[in-house]
Protein backbone atom coordinates (compact mmCIF):
# COMPACT_ATOMS: atom_id res chain seq x y z
CA MET A 1 -0.04 0.20 -0.11
CA PRO A 2 1.54 3.24 -0.98
CA GLY A 3 2.46 5.44 1.86
CA ALA A 4 2.30 2.69 4.61
CA PRO A 5 5.07 2.87 7.15
CA ALA A 6 7.79 0.80 6.94
CA ARG A 7 8.23 -2.18 9.35
CA LEU A 8 11.00 -2.05 11.70
CA ALA A 9 13.58 -4.71 11.26
CA VAL A 10 16.79 -5.58 12.65
CA SER A 11 19.87 -7.90 11.87
CA ALA A 12 22.96 -9.15 13.75
CA LEU A 13 26.43 -9.01 12.02
CA VAL A 14 27.00 -11.87 14.39
CA VAL A 15 31.42 -11.86 14.12
CA ARG A 16 34.63 -14.51 15.34
CA SER A 17 37.78 -14.47 14.38
CA GLY A 18 37.52 -13.57 10.88
CA LYS A 19 33.94 -15.60 10.75
CA VAL A 20 30.19 -14.10 11.07
CA VAL A 21 26.65 -16.07 11.11
CA LEU A 22 24.65 -16.45 8.10
CA VAL A 23 21.40 -17.67 7.82
CA GLN A 24 20.01 -19.40 4.45
CA ARG A 25 16.05 -18.06 4.73
CA GLY A 26 13.58 -21.01 5.06
CA ALA A 27 10.82 -18.87 4.03
CA GLY A 28 9.49 -15.61 3.01
CA VAL A 29 11.08 -12.38 1.68
CA GLY A 30 14.83 -14.03 0.56
CA GLU A 31 13.77 -17.34 0.98
CA GLY A 32 16.91 -19.51 -0.16
CA LEU A 33 18.71 -16.62 -0.19
CA TRP A 34 22.22 -16.04 2.63
CA ALA A 35 21.65 -13.27 5.06
CA PRO A 36 23.05 -11.94 8.62
CA PRO A 37 20.21 -13.39 11.30
CA GLY A 38 17.68 -11.19 11.99
CA GLY A 39 13.53 -10.19 11.33
CA LYS A 40 10.81 -8.12 13.13
CA THR A 41 11.03 -6.37 15.98
CA GLU A 42 7.84 -6.64 18.57
CA ARG A 43 5.77 -4.47 19.62
CA GLY A 44 7.20 -1.91 22.03
CA GLU A 45 10.77 -4.15 21.74
CA ARG A 46 13.91 -2.33 21.92
CA LEU A 47 15.92 -2.59 18.68
CA ALA A 48 19.34 -4.27 20.75
CA ASP A 49 16.79 -6.61 22.36
CA ALA A 50 14.84 -7.53 18.87
CA CYS A 51 18.37 -8.35 17.60
CA PHE A 52 19.74 -10.25 20.67
CA ARG A 53 16.08 -12.61 20.11
CA GLU A 54 16.32 -13.29 16.57
CA VAL A 55 19.92 -13.78 16.31
CA TYR A 56 19.09 -16.71 19.36
CA GLU A 57 15.67 -17.66 17.63
CA GLU A 58 17.45 -18.26 14.19
CA THR A 59 21.11 -19.70 15.13
CA GLY A 60 20.55 -20.93 19.17
CA ILE A 61 23.98 -18.27 19.77
CA ARG A 62 23.28 -15.77 22.40
CA VAL A 63 25.24 -12.57 21.83
CA ARG A 64 26.54 -9.36 23.03
CA VAL A 65 25.09 -6.45 20.63
CA LEU A 66 28.23 -3.88 20.02
CA ARG A 67 26.19 -1.16 18.28
CA ALA A 68 24.30 -0.07 15.05
CA VAL A 69 26.19 -0.24 12.13
CA SER A 70 23.99 0.46 8.82
CA GLU A 71 20.19 1.41 8.35
CA ILE A 72 18.82 0.50 4.93
CA GLU A 73 15.47 0.10 3.36
CA VAL A 74 14.28 -2.36 1.86
CA PHE A 75 11.18 -3.07 -0.62
CA ALA A 76 9.53 -6.70 -1.30
CA SER A 77 5.86 -7.59 -0.63
CA ASP A 78 6.30 -5.10 2.32
CA ARG A 79 8.36 -2.44 3.13
CA PHE A 80 11.41 -2.46 6.17
CA CYS A 81 13.27 -0.17 7.46
CA ILE A 82 16.39 -2.90 8.79
CA VAL A 83 18.86 -1.22 11.41
CA SER A 84 22.36 -3.74 11.15
CA PHE A 85 24.18 -4.00 14.53
CA LEU A 86 27.82 -5.51 14.87
CA ALA A 87 27.76 -8.33 17.56
CA THR A 88 29.97 -11.19 19.09
CA PRO A 89 28.86 -14.25 20.79
CA ALA A 90 28.65 -13.94 24.53
CA LEU A 91 30.47 -17.26 24.80
CA ASP A 92 33.29 -19.07 22.72
CA GLY A 93 33.28 -22.24 20.49
CA VAL A 94 29.46 -21.97 19.91
CA ALA A 95 27.97 -23.61 16.99
CA ALA A 96 25.45 -22.19 14.57
CA THR A 97 22.00 -23.95 14.55
CA ALA A 98 19.35 -23.03 12.51
CA GLY A 99 16.00 -22.00 14.29
CA SER A 100 12.84 -20.70 13.51
CA ASP A 101 12.74 -19.33 10.24
CA ALA A 102 15.77 -20.36 8.80
CA ARG A 103 16.84 -22.86 6.62
CA THR A 104 20.23 -23.59 7.57
CA ALA A 105 22.60 -21.66 9.72
CA SER A 106 26.34 -21.83 9.55
CA TRP A 107 29.56 -19.88 10.75
CA TYR A 108 31.83 -18.64 7.37
CA ASP A 109 34.85 -17.09 6.61
CA LEU A 110 34.05 -13.47 5.49
CA ARG A 111 35.65 -14.25 2.06
CA GLU A 112 33.14 -17.16 1.61
CA ALA A 113 30.49 -15.36 2.87
CA LYS A 114 31.05 -12.94 -0.02
CA LEU A 115 30.52 -15.89 -2.64
CA LEU A 116 27.01 -16.97 -1.54
CA PRO A 117 24.13 -15.84 -2.46
CA LEU A 118 23.21 -13.32 -0.57
CA ALA A 119 19.75 -11.06 0.08
CA PRO A 120 19.63 -7.61 -1.61
CA GLY A 121 22.01 -5.15 0.68
CA VAL A 122 23.68 -8.24 2.46
CA ARG A 123 27.02 -7.71 -0.19
CA THR A 124 27.25 -3.98 0.38
CA LEU A 125 27.18 -4.14 4.29
CA LEU A 126 29.98 -6.75 4.56
CA ASP A 127 32.08 -5.10 1.77
CA ALA A 128 31.01 -1.53 4.23
CA MET A 129 32.31 -3.40 7.49
CA PHE A 130 35.32 -5.06 6.30
CA PRO A 131 35.91 -2.79 3.07
CA GLY A 132 40.17 -4.65 3.37
CA VAL A 133 38.34 -8.58 2.81
CA ARG A 134 37.92 -9.71 -0.83
CA PRO A 135 35.93 -12.87 -1.71
CA ALA A 136 38.05 -16.22 -1.90
CA ALA A 137 39.20 -17.67 -5.12
CA VAL A 138 35.91 -19.97 -6.54
CA PRO A 139 37.21 -23.08 -7.71
CA GLU A 140 37.75 -24.10 -11.26
CA GLY A 141 36.18 -27.07 -12.73
């Protein structure tokens, strides 16, 4: 609907030792594409709290939300304003386990992550946050 307010959503770049957690969307907007864990905020929910909740629901990882790093507006079936946060795992050595609407969740080397089929805006976010990291070479054959 034209003029309808944007829905507020969050995402988290969860980083540890040169790796980032990405989830493959299992349904809805961006199905099959890879993105940082995230989703819509609940009514009255603080952005950092929504970020913590969404990461835990989609990956099973409890995080320390550090700071907001980006805001983008996405037009899909609905209009979203997505605030992205930088976060770190609260505990070392925690594996990512897909939950909620994520088909798959895993830690990826930043160079490998840039080779995945990413949701709109994700490559731009990764390039902005990690400008010196170039995609890994694509294997031949």
